[in-house]
């Protein structure tokens, strides 16, 4: 899967636009992006915890979890574009090593949780999944192969073993899109990228306006526009000022549009600026969180199966059914497993 030096550097030379010395969006500048990603992962846990506590899936268009996932894609768009422009020859290898090993371990952990909570039917569950299904899920980053009738049948998220994991495959497709845009030279044509970004915004708004299927959960224009917001910010970063007034205006637009259909258009534009303005403007102590150990990916991967397990144990009266207990215990468990994932799996492969 690795791009050869000839393809990446001779056919489509990468011209990194010079960054002014000390520019605020320079990745070498202290920032709280890792802290923000951890906060977004915890926000997903909170969003799901409210559903488990109420024993009914919310019909809200813009749940906290959905907003958090949008934030993940925005940050990824910025960072991944910089990764390609910095070193296209090692880009795909780096992306695979960053995503796949941690996903595989969390996938197998989720399989074990599902089997364990299938009760006496654990063997029937494993037979239903089949080795070929496991291999397919690992290869294509698809956790849906784990969904079988034996597991968590009465849960508010019935039969879902690791629901949030499905976004990892979409994010990796965005990584591939950046590679294709880089190899073909499209990434060098900044206004073409802006035009594509605008088209994604229109598609995303159309999905919401017409109540099209997948407006929020699996709508590719939604993810493409959020990821694209980060891409555009990186490509034009030398022209973007850092000012508290722009941050305040961005936050105001986000708040005013939250309850209406314009939110899907506002988020990739004003949400992108607000996230990065805030990440580079917060106090220095916040910028140290996750600066050396980025556990956010692991927290995101492990939280949901822990929440399913907690819900089942609470139904059996082994654990309290309160929202606070659910949130506190599953968040702590996800942080612990996320830390272990970083130390034992992600960090060693990241060094490669």
Foldseek 3Di string as FASTA:
>chain_A
DFDACCLQPVQFNQDQPDAPPPQLPPPVAQWQLLVLLLVLLLQLLLQVLVCLLVQADDPDQDTSNLLSVLVVLLQCLQVLLVLCSVPVRCNVVLVCQQQQFLLLVLLVVLLVLQLVQLPPCSVVLDVQLDPVNSVVCSVQQNSCSSQDCSGQCSGNPHSRSQVLSRVSNLSVVVSVVSSVCSSVVVLVVLVSLVVVLVVLLVVLLVCLVVVNPPSRPNDSSLSCNSSSLSNSCNVCVNVDDQDVVLLVVLVVVCVVCVRDSCNSNSCSHSVSVNVSSCRSPPDSVSSVVCPPFRLSVQLNSNLVNLLSSQSVCVVVVNFPSDSVRSSVVSSVVSSVRSRVCRVPRNVVSSVD
